[in-house]
Amino acid sequence: MLERIFTGSGFWNPLIWLIAFVVSILIVLILRSLGRPGFKREGDKTKPFLCGNIKDIETISPRSENLYWGFRESLKGYYKVMERFHSGDIRDYIFWFIFVIVLLFLMEVL
């Protein structure tokens, strides 16, 4: 039922990847639970250290519109289509990621 797919550089087994993903999530949750429970996200201790200089992030980093202007200009048609699908909600991306993983897993099993 669950067969290995042999390629020129090894094999691919979706069940092993699923187990590795679950183990990774468990390790992250364990490490996160070891944190200090009384930590408060207030004050200067949560701000990035910029060599002692207190500056606004807008003044020290280039905006993506300037940095990737050539790419955006040349792919303007593609971006117009893709902006309609972009919701900005991380739950949508997680849903599609899980949907594709389940679809690939079912294609492998069936």
C-alpha atoms as a PDB file:
ATOM      1  CA  MET A   1       0.000   0.000   0.000  1.00  0.00           C
ATOM      2  CA  LEU A   2       2.682   2.550   1.002  1.00  0.00           C
ATOM      3  CA  GLU A   3       5.519   2.062  -1.406  1.00  0.00           C
ATOM      4  CA  ARG A   4       8.745   3.953  -1.666  1.00  0.00           C
ATOM      5  CA  ILE A   5       9.361   6.054  -4.726  1.00  0.00           C
ATOM      6  CA  PHE A   6      12.927   5.421  -5.858  1.00  0.00           C
ATOM      7  CA  THR A   7      14.642   8.198  -7.741  1.00  0.00           C
ATOM      8  CA  GLY A   8      18.175   8.647  -8.948  1.00  0.00           C
ATOM      9  CA  SER A   9      19.208  10.207  -5.650  1.00  0.00           C
ATOM     10  CA  GLY A  10      17.251   8.222  -3.049  1.00  0.00           C
ATOM     11  CA  PHE A  11      13.656   7.526  -2.104  1.00  0.00           C
ATOM     12  CA  TRP A  12      10.646   9.534  -0.984  1.00  0.00           C
ATOM     13  CA  ASN A  13       8.121   8.247   1.509  1.00  0.00           C
ATOM     14  CA  PRO A  14       5.291  10.613   2.527  1.00  0.00           C
ATOM     15  CA  LEU A  15       4.681   8.796   5.808  1.00  0.00           C
ATOM     16  CA  ILE A  16       8.253   9.458   6.941  1.00  0.00           C
ATOM     17  CA  TRP A  17       7.858  13.155   6.077  1.00  0.00           C
ATOM     18  CA  LEU A  18       4.559  13.337   7.964  1.00  0.00           C
ATOM     19  CA  ILE A  19       6.151  11.746  11.040  1.00  0.00           C
ATOM     20  CA  ALA A  20       9.135  14.112  10.784  1.00  0.00           C
ATOM     21  CA  PHE A  21       6.768  17.094  10.581  1.00  0.00           C
ATOM     22  CA  VAL A  22       4.822  15.979  13.673  1.00  0.00           C
ATOM     23  CA  VAL A  23       8.056  15.342  15.616  1.00  0.00           C
ATOM     24  CA  SER A  24       9.341  18.793  14.612  1.00  0.00           C
ATOM     25  CA  ILE A  25       6.147  20.439  15.858  1.00  0.00           C
ATOM     26  CA  LEU A  26       6.409  18.535  19.145  1.00  0.00           C
ATOM     27  CA  ILE A  27      10.021  19.654  19.625  1.00  0.00           C
ATOM     28  CA  VAL A  28       9.063  23.279  18.968  1.00  0.00           C
ATOM     29  CA  LEU A  29       6.179  23.078  21.452  1.00  0.00           C
ATOM     30  CA  ILE A  30       8.434  21.520  24.103  1.00  0.00           C
ATOM     31  CA  LEU A  31      11.082  24.210  23.635  1.00  0.00           C
ATOM     32  CA  ARG A  32       8.424  26.917  23.747  1.00  0.00           C
ATOM     33  CA  SER A  33       7.011  25.549  26.994  1.00  0.00           C
ATOM     34  CA  LEU A  34      10.466  25.872  28.606  1.00  0.00           C
ATOM     35  CA  GLY A  35      10.282  29.659  28.296  1.00  0.00           C
ATOM     36  CA  ARG A  36       9.749  32.011  31.188  1.00  0.00           C
ATOM     37  CA  PRO A  37       5.977  32.185  31.847  1.00  0.00           C
ATOM     38  CA  GLY A  38       6.121  35.626  33.499  1.00  0.00           C
ATOM     39  CA  PHE A  39       7.766  37.373  30.528  1.00  0.00           C
ATOM     40  CA  LYS A  40       6.022  40.617  29.578  1.00  0.00           C
ATOM     41  CA  ARG A  41       6.353  41.995  26.072  1.00  0.00           C
ATOM     42  CA  GLU A  42       6.555  45.613  27.148  1.00  0.00           C
ATOM     43  CA  GLY A  43       9.260  48.208  27.179  1.00  0.00           C
ATOM     44  CA  ASP A  44      12.599  48.448  25.424  1.00  0.00           C
ATOM     45  CA  LYS A  45      13.653  44.844  26.009  1.00  0.00           C
ATOM     46  CA  THR A  46      11.588  43.567  23.062  1.00  0.00           C
ATOM     47  CA  LYS A  47      12.855  46.148  20.563  1.00  0.00           C
ATOM     48  CA  PRO A  48      15.719  45.219  18.203  1.00  0.00           C
ATOM     49  CA  PHE A  49      19.180  46.391  19.221  1.00  0.00           C
ATOM     50  CA  LEU A  50      20.559  48.738  16.577  1.00  0.00           C
ATOM     51  CA  CYS A  51      24.033  49.421  18.001  1.00  0.00           C
ATOM     52  CA  GLY A  52      22.559  51.773  20.589  1.00  0.00           C
ATOM     53  CA  ASN A  53      20.926  54.038  18.009  1.00  0.00           C
ATOM     54  CA  ILE A  54      17.244  54.696  18.448  1.00  0.00           C
ATOM     55  CA  LYS A  55      15.840  55.144  14.969  1.00  0.00           C
ATOM     56  CA  ASP A  56      12.584  54.557  13.222  1.00  0.00           C
ATOM     57  CA  ILE A  57      12.617  51.347  11.141  1.00  0.00           C
ATOM     58  CA  GLU A  58      11.224  53.272   8.146  1.00  0.00           C
ATOM     59  CA  THR A  59      14.331  55.461   7.983  1.00  0.00           C
ATOM     60  CA  ILE A  60      16.961  52.704   8.174  1.00  0.00           C
ATOM     61  CA  SER A  61      15.637  50.066   5.810  1.00  0.00           C
ATOM     62  CA  PRO A  62      14.740  50.357   2.133  1.00  0.00           C
ATOM     63  CA  ARG A  63      11.119  49.701   1.300  1.00  0.00           C
ATOM     64  CA  SER A  64      10.316  46.699  -0.873  1.00  0.00           C
ATOM     65  CA  GLU A  65       8.754  48.942  -3.522  1.00  0.00           C
ATOM     66  CA  ASN A  66      12.185  50.499  -4.109  1.00  0.00           C
ATOM     67  CA  LEU A  67      14.253  47.363  -3.676  1.00  0.00           C
ATOM     68  CA  TYR A  68      12.251  45.166  -6.074  1.00  0.00           C
ATOM     69  CA  TRP A  69      11.022  47.832  -8.481  1.00  0.00           C
ATOM     70  CA  GLY A  70      12.463  46.129 -11.574  1.00  0.00           C
ATOM     71  CA  PHE A  71      10.923  42.753 -10.758  1.00  0.00           C
ATOM     72  CA  ARG A  72       7.523  44.267  -9.965  1.00  0.00           C
ATOM     73  CA  GLU A  73       7.543  46.381 -13.097  1.00  0.00           C
ATOM     74  CA  SER A  74       8.448  43.485 -15.401  1.00  0.00           C
ATOM     75  CA  LEU A  75       5.940  41.099 -13.760  1.00  0.00           C
ATOM     76  CA  LYS A  76       3.151  43.644 -13.323  1.00  0.00           C
ATOM     77  CA  GLY A  77       0.569  41.497 -15.146  1.00  0.00           C
ATOM     78  CA  TYR A  78       1.322  38.490 -12.949  1.00  0.00           C
ATOM     79  CA  TYR A  79       1.138  40.546  -9.750  1.00  0.00           C
ATOM     80  CA  LYS A  80      -2.234  42.039 -10.703  1.00  0.00           C
ATOM     81  CA  VAL A  81      -3.685  38.537 -11.026  1.00  0.00           C
ATOM     82  CA  MET A  82      -2.033  37.243  -7.850  1.00  0.00           C
ATOM     83  CA  GLU A  83      -3.077  40.231  -5.708  1.00  0.00           C
ATOM     84  CA  ARG A  84      -6.709  39.160  -6.119  1.00  0.00           C
ATOM     85  CA  PHE A  85      -5.898  35.823  -4.459  1.00  0.00           C
ATOM     86  CA  HIS A  86      -3.800  37.332  -1.659  1.00  0.00           C
ATOM     87  CA  SER A  87      -5.765  37.705   1.559  1.00  0.00           C
ATOM     88  CA  GLY A  88      -2.896  38.286   3.977  1.00  0.00           C
ATOM     89  CA  ASP A  89      -4.430  35.818   6.436  1.00  0.00           C
ATOM     90  CA  ILE A  90      -1.956  33.150   7.562  1.00  0.00           C
ATOM     91  CA  ARG A  91      -4.804  30.681   8.090  1.00  0.00           C
ATOM     92  CA  ASP A  92      -5.460  30.647   4.336  1.00  0.00           C
ATOM     93  CA  TYR A  93      -1.844  29.732   3.592  1.00  0.00           C
ATOM     94  CA  ILE A  94      -1.830  27.035   6.277  1.00  0.00           C
ATOM     95  CA  PHE A  95      -5.070  25.610   4.855  1.00  0.00           C
ATOM     96  CA  TRP A  96      -3.634  25.406   1.330  1.00  0.00           C
ATOM     97  CA  PHE A  97      -0.358  23.916   2.629  1.00  0.00           C
ATOM     98  CA  ILE A  98      -2.214  21.184   4.536  1.00  0.00           C
ATOM     99  CA  PHE A  99      -4.581  20.626   1.593  1.00  0.00           C
ATOM    100  CA  VAL A 100      -1.685  20.045  -0.827  1.00  0.00           C
ATOM    101  CA  ILE A 101       0.128  17.766   1.647  1.00  0.00           C
ATOM    102  CA  VAL A 102      -3.034  15.669   2.165  1.00  0.00           C
ATOM    103  CA  LEU A 103      -3.636  15.576  -1.588  1.00  0.00           C
ATOM    104  CA  LEU A 104      -0.075  14.354  -2.224  1.00  0.00           C
ATOM    105  CA  PHE A 105      -0.409  11.805   0.568  1.00  0.00           C
ATOM    106  CA  LEU A 106      -3.681  10.485  -0.886  1.00  0.00           C
ATOM    107  CA  MET A 107      -2.163  10.311  -4.354  1.00  0.00           C
ATOM    108  CA  GLU A 108       0.663   8.230  -2.920  1.00  0.00           C
ATOM    109  CA  VAL A 109      -1.627   5.906  -0.951  1.00  0.00           C
ATOM    110  CA  LEU A 110      -4.214   5.394  -3.661  1.00  0.00           C
END
